[in-house]
Amino acid sequence: MDAIKHPHVTEKTVDKMDFDNKMVFICHTDAEKDQIKSEVEQQFDLEVTDINTMITPKGDKKAELTLSDDYDAQEVASRIGVF
């Protein structure tokens, strides 16, 4: 099973990329933090230092991933086609 569905891009998440080096993904509701972290690290070839998850009012699971200082969230987003 794939843990992540797609990147979540809004004005607020772009600010998080710019200032906090974070990326936000929409995930399957039954995916656990460890699954999400390992899938993102493998799929996008990066290192995640922290992860926070939340359930949105629409019932989606949103994961906010803090990237290691070795990786730039904007560069990763550009590489995976978010921008």
C-alpha atoms as a PDB file:
ATOM      1  CA  MET A   1       0.000   0.000   0.000  1.00  0.00           C
ATOM      2  CA  ASP A   2       1.157   3.495  -0.763  1.00  0.00           C
ATOM      3  CA  ALA A   3       1.073   5.721   2.296  1.00  0.00           C
ATOM      4  CA  ILE A   4       1.066   9.058   0.461  1.00  0.00           C
ATOM      5  CA  LYS A   5      -1.450  10.223  -2.126  1.00  0.00           C
ATOM      6  CA  HIS A   6      -0.042  13.553  -3.332  1.00  0.00           C
ATOM      7  CA  PRO A   7       1.712  16.753  -2.224  1.00  0.00           C
ATOM      8  CA  HIS A   8      -0.569  19.387  -0.698  1.00  0.00           C
ATOM      9  CA  VAL A   9       0.163  22.803  -2.181  1.00  0.00           C
ATOM     10  CA  THR A  10      -1.498  25.951  -0.877  1.00  0.00           C
ATOM     11  CA  GLU A  11      -0.224  29.433  -0.122  1.00  0.00           C
ATOM     12  CA  LYS A  12       0.302  28.377   3.487  1.00  0.00           C
ATOM     13  CA  THR A  13       2.278  25.228   2.585  1.00  0.00           C
ATOM     14  CA  VAL A  14       4.456  27.189   0.149  1.00  0.00           C
ATOM     15  CA  ASP A  15       5.324  29.551   3.019  1.00  0.00           C
ATOM     16  CA  LYS A  16       6.286  26.506   5.103  1.00  0.00           C
ATOM     17  CA  MET A  17       8.572  25.373   2.274  1.00  0.00           C
ATOM     18  CA  ASP A  18      10.168  28.819   2.062  1.00  0.00           C
ATOM     19  CA  PHE A  19      10.649  29.595   5.749  1.00  0.00           C
ATOM     20  CA  ASP A  20      10.511  26.292   7.689  1.00  0.00           C
ATOM     21  CA  ASN A  21      11.939  23.765   5.174  1.00  0.00           C
ATOM     22  CA  LYS A  22       8.739  21.675   5.429  1.00  0.00           C
ATOM     23  CA  MET A  23       6.647  19.798   2.895  1.00  0.00           C
ATOM     24  CA  VAL A  24       3.018  18.749   3.291  1.00  0.00           C
ATOM     25  CA  PHE A  25       1.449  15.613   1.805  1.00  0.00           C
ATOM     26  CA  ILE A  26      -2.059  14.181   1.779  1.00  0.00           C
ATOM     27  CA  CYS A  27      -1.871  10.560   2.952  1.00  0.00           C
ATOM     28  CA  HIS A  28      -4.124   7.555   3.398  1.00  0.00           C
ATOM     29  CA  THR A  29      -5.975   7.794   6.703  1.00  0.00           C
ATOM     30  CA  ASP A  30      -4.679   4.442   7.943  1.00  0.00           C
ATOM     31  CA  ALA A  31      -1.014   5.233   7.144  1.00  0.00           C
ATOM     32  CA  GLU A  32       1.268   5.522  10.159  1.00  0.00           C
ATOM     33  CA  LYS A  33       4.022   8.110  10.639  1.00  0.00           C
ATOM     34  CA  ASP A  34       6.820   5.586  10.103  1.00  0.00           C
ATOM     35  CA  GLN A  35       5.254   4.409   6.838  1.00  0.00           C
ATOM     36  CA  ILE A  36       4.810   7.960   5.563  1.00  0.00           C
ATOM     37  CA  LYS A  37       8.353   8.953   6.519  1.00  0.00           C
ATOM     38  CA  SER A  38      10.020   5.938   4.910  1.00  0.00           C
ATOM     39  CA  GLU A  39       7.945   6.194   1.733  1.00  0.00           C
ATOM     40  CA  VAL A  40       8.733   9.900   1.264  1.00  0.00           C
ATOM     41  CA  GLU A  41      12.438   9.311   1.954  1.00  0.00           C
ATOM     42  CA  GLN A  42      12.616   6.456  -0.557  1.00  0.00           C
ATOM     43  CA  GLN A  43      10.407   7.969  -3.242  1.00  0.00           C
ATOM     44  CA  PHE A  44      11.935  11.451  -3.255  1.00  0.00           C
ATOM     45  CA  ASP A  45      15.489  10.623  -2.106  1.00  0.00           C
ATOM     46  CA  LEU A  46      15.640  12.907   0.944  1.00  0.00           C
ATOM     47  CA  GLU A  47      15.901  12.789   4.735  1.00  0.00           C
ATOM     48  CA  VAL A  48      13.005  13.646   7.064  1.00  0.00           C
ATOM     49  CA  THR A  49      13.832  14.820  10.596  1.00  0.00           C
ATOM     50  CA  ASP A  50      10.303  15.276  11.984  1.00  0.00           C
ATOM     51  CA  ILE A  51       6.731  14.448  11.029  1.00  0.00           C
ATOM     52  CA  ASN A  52       3.388  15.723  12.295  1.00  0.00           C
ATOM     53  CA  THR A  53       0.084  14.303  11.110  1.00  0.00           C
ATOM     54  CA  MET A  54      -3.452  15.582  11.419  1.00  0.00           C
ATOM     55  CA  ILE A  55      -6.902  14.709  10.143  1.00  0.00           C
ATOM     56  CA  THR A  56      -8.525  17.548   8.210  1.00  0.00           C
ATOM     57  CA  PRO A  57     -12.204  18.485   8.602  1.00  0.00           C
ATOM     58  CA  LYS A  58     -12.775  16.805   5.217  1.00  0.00           C
ATOM     59  CA  GLY A  59     -11.464  13.529   6.651  1.00  0.00           C
ATOM     60  CA  ASP A  60      -8.107  13.526   4.843  1.00  0.00           C
ATOM     61  CA  LYS A  61      -4.862  12.795   6.658  1.00  0.00           C
ATOM     62  CA  LYS A  62      -2.263  15.517   6.208  1.00  0.00           C
ATOM     63  CA  ALA A  63       1.409  14.961   7.031  1.00  0.00           C
ATOM     64  CA  GLU A  64       3.783  17.874   7.608  1.00  0.00           C
ATOM     65  CA  LEU A  65       7.377  16.741   7.120  1.00  0.00           C
ATOM     66  CA  THR A  66      10.416  18.706   8.272  1.00  0.00           C
ATOM     67  CA  LEU A  67      13.362  18.045   5.978  1.00  0.00           C
ATOM     68  CA  SER A  68      16.975  17.701   7.052  1.00  0.00           C
ATOM     69  CA  ASP A  69      19.153  20.802   6.642  1.00  0.00           C
ATOM     70  CA  ASP A  70      20.919  18.971   3.797  1.00  0.00           C
ATOM     71  CA  TYR A  71      17.774  19.313   1.635  1.00  0.00           C
ATOM     72  CA  ASP A  72      15.869  22.375   0.480  1.00  0.00           C
ATOM     73  CA  ALA A  73      12.083  21.915   0.408  1.00  0.00           C
ATOM     74  CA  GLN A  74      11.670  24.286  -2.562  1.00  0.00           C
ATOM     75  CA  GLU A  75      14.283  22.415  -4.574  1.00  0.00           C
ATOM     76  CA  VAL A  76      12.670  19.060  -3.769  1.00  0.00           C
ATOM     77  CA  ALA A  77       9.215  20.416  -4.673  1.00  0.00           C
ATOM     78  CA  SER A  78      10.554  21.705  -7.968  1.00  0.00           C
ATOM     79  CA  ARG A  79      12.245  18.373  -8.682  1.00  0.00           C
ATOM     80  CA  ILE A  80       9.071  16.349  -8.074  1.00  0.00           C
ATOM     81  CA  GLY A  81       6.954  18.719 -10.172  1.00  0.00           C
ATOM     82  CA  VAL A  82       4.979  20.588  -7.513  1.00  0.00           C
ATOM     83  CA  PHE A  83       5.832  23.969  -9.097  1.00  0.00           C
END
